[in-house]
Protein backbone atom coordinates (compact mmCIF):
# COMPACT_ATOMS: atom_id res chain seq x y z
CA UNK A 1 0.20 -0.05 -0.41
CA UNK A 2 1.37 3.72 -0.76
CA UNK A 3 1.12 6.33 1.75
CA UNK A 4 -1.59 8.10 -0.60
CA UNK A 5 -3.91 4.79 -0.37
CA UNK A 6 -3.42 4.52 3.24
CA UNK A 7 -5.15 8.12 3.48
CA UNK A 8 -7.61 7.60 0.35
CA UNK A 9 -10.81 9.53 1.00
CA UNK A 10 -8.97 11.83 3.60
CA UNK A 11 -8.51 15.39 1.97
CA UNK A 12 -7.09 17.06 5.17
CA UNK A 13 -4.77 13.59 5.76
CA UNK A 14 -3.54 13.80 2.37
CA UNK A 15 -2.35 17.49 2.30
CA UNK A 16 -0.56 17.20 5.55
CA UNK A 17 1.45 13.95 3.73
CA UNK A 18 2.02 15.74 1.42
CA UNK A 19 3.20 18.84 3.94
CA UNK A 20 5.20 16.44 6.03
CA UNK A 21 7.03 14.76 2.86
CA UNK A 22 8.27 17.80 1.43
CA UNK A 23 9.66 19.27 4.67
CA UNK A 24 11.23 15.85 4.78
CA UNK A 25 12.83 15.93 1.58
CA UNK A 26 14.18 19.22 2.13
CA UNK A 27 15.95 18.15 5.05
CA UNK A 28 17.54 14.95 3.07
CA UNK A 29 14.63 12.51 2.67
CA UNK A 30 13.67 9.37 4.52
CA UNK A 31 12.51 5.93 3.52
CA UNK A 32 8.97 5.57 3.56
CA UNK A 33 6.96 2.74 5.33
CA UNK A 34 3.29 2.29 5.21
CA UNK A 35 1.69 -0.14 7.03
CA UNK A 36 -1.81 -0.89 8.31
CA UNK A 37 -1.86 1.61 10.67
CA UNK A 38 0.46 4.49 10.39
CA UNK A 39 2.84 5.93 7.51
CA UNK A 40 6.54 5.74 8.82
CA UNK A 41 9.46 8.04 8.23
CA UNK A 42 12.60 6.32 8.70
CA UNK A 43 16.45 7.08 8.28
CA UNK A 44 17.83 3.44 10.42
CA UNK A 45 15.04 3.80 13.17
CA UNK A 46 11.53 5.75 12.64
CA UNK A 47 11.51 9.39 13.32
CA UNK A 48 7.84 10.31 12.56
CA UNK A 49 4.59 8.71 11.74
CA UNK A 50 1.37 9.60 10.29
CA UNK A 51 -1.75 8.22 11.55
CA UNK A 52 -5.51 8.78 11.52
CA UNK A 53 -6.99 8.61 14.65
CA UNK A 54 -10.56 8.31 13.26
CA UNK A 55 -9.63 4.36 13.10
CA UNK A 56 -9.31 4.32 16.97
CA UNK A 57 -12.00 6.60 18.40
CA UNK A 58 -15.22 7.41 17.58
CA UNK A 59 -14.81 11.20 17.40
CA UNK A 60 -11.52 12.26 16.99
CA UNK A 61 -10.40 16.09 17.56
CA UNK A 62 -8.45 15.83 14.64
CA UNK A 63 -8.28 14.54 11.12
CA UNK A 64 -4.67 13.10 11.26
CA UNK A 65 -1.95 13.00 14.13
CA UNK A 66 1.64 13.56 13.81
CA UNK A 67 4.11 12.02 15.81
CA UNK A 68 7.39 12.72 16.28
CA UNK A 69 10.41 11.08 18.09
CA UNK A 70 12.71 13.55 19.99
CA UNK A 71 15.78 13.15 22.31
CA UNK A 72 13.89 14.86 24.67
CA UNK A 73 10.97 16.28 25.97
CA UNK A 74 9.54 19.28 24.22
CA UNK A 75 7.15 21.69 26.45
CA UNK A 76 5.07 23.02 23.65
CA UNK A 77 1.38 23.34 24.57
CA UNK A 78 1.09 22.45 20.86
CA UNK A 79 1.34 18.91 21.48
CA UNK A 80 -1.46 16.84 22.53
CA UNK A 81 0.12 14.21 24.44
CA UNK A 82 4.40 13.21 25.20
CA UNK A 83 4.83 9.63 26.41
CA UNK A 84 8.52 8.49 27.00
CA UNK A 85 8.83 5.03 25.88
CA UNK A 86 12.11 4.39 26.07
CA UNK A 87 15.23 6.46 28.36
CA UNK A 88 16.42 8.32 25.39
CA UNK A 89 13.54 9.41 23.04
CA UNK A 90 10.33 10.93 23.64
CA UNK A 91 7.42 10.47 21.22
CA UNK A 92 5.18 13.63 20.89
CA UNK A 93 1.77 13.50 19.35
CA UNK A 94 0.60 16.57 17.43
CA UNK A 95 -3.35 16.75 16.40
CA UNK A 96 -3.76 18.33 13.20
CA UNK A 97 -6.60 19.59 11.54
CA UNK A 98 -5.19 22.00 8.88
CA UNK A 99 -1.83 21.42 6.62
CA UNK A 100 -0.90 25.29 7.46
CA UNK A 101 -0.39 23.94 11.17
CA UNK A 102 2.86 22.03 9.42
CA UNK A 103 4.63 25.49 10.16
CA UNK A 104 8.22 26.92 11.00
CA UNK A 105 7.82 25.06 14.19
CA UNK A 106 6.74 22.05 12.78
CA UNK A 107 9.60 22.09 10.62
CA UNK A 108 12.41 22.45 13.45
CA UNK A 109 11.02 19.60 15.17
CA UNK A 110 10.71 17.60 12.10
CA UNK A 111 14.38 18.55 11.33
CA UNK A 112 15.58 17.69 14.73
CA UNK A 113 14.09 14.24 14.56
CA UNK A 114 15.51 13.40 11.06
CA UNK A 115 19.01 14.34 11.93
CA UNK A 116 19.09 11.94 15.20
CA UNK A 117 17.70 9.29 13.48
CA UNK A 118 20.35 9.12 10.91
């Protein structure tokens, strides 16, 4: 399955996919893996993931979630949730309702995550 097929019928998710893919291409690219649950951007290990919350909850607050792996906890109030699954990584979940939310701040997080995953 391609990333576009994964998000078929989800116009906001498709637009966010395009925005995130463009940012990642600009910072050196990544391998993209699509599973039944998500689209993962990888450089040796995964550093950014897009997934549809509507597949897991009845009334999601967002069309798509961008999850970004950083080597630190980021305190931005934009994060819906931050979890600490292992000693050296924090998974940050950003609810996205509009592709314009992939702004300079998000670009910085994606750049940081991509560089760390290399």
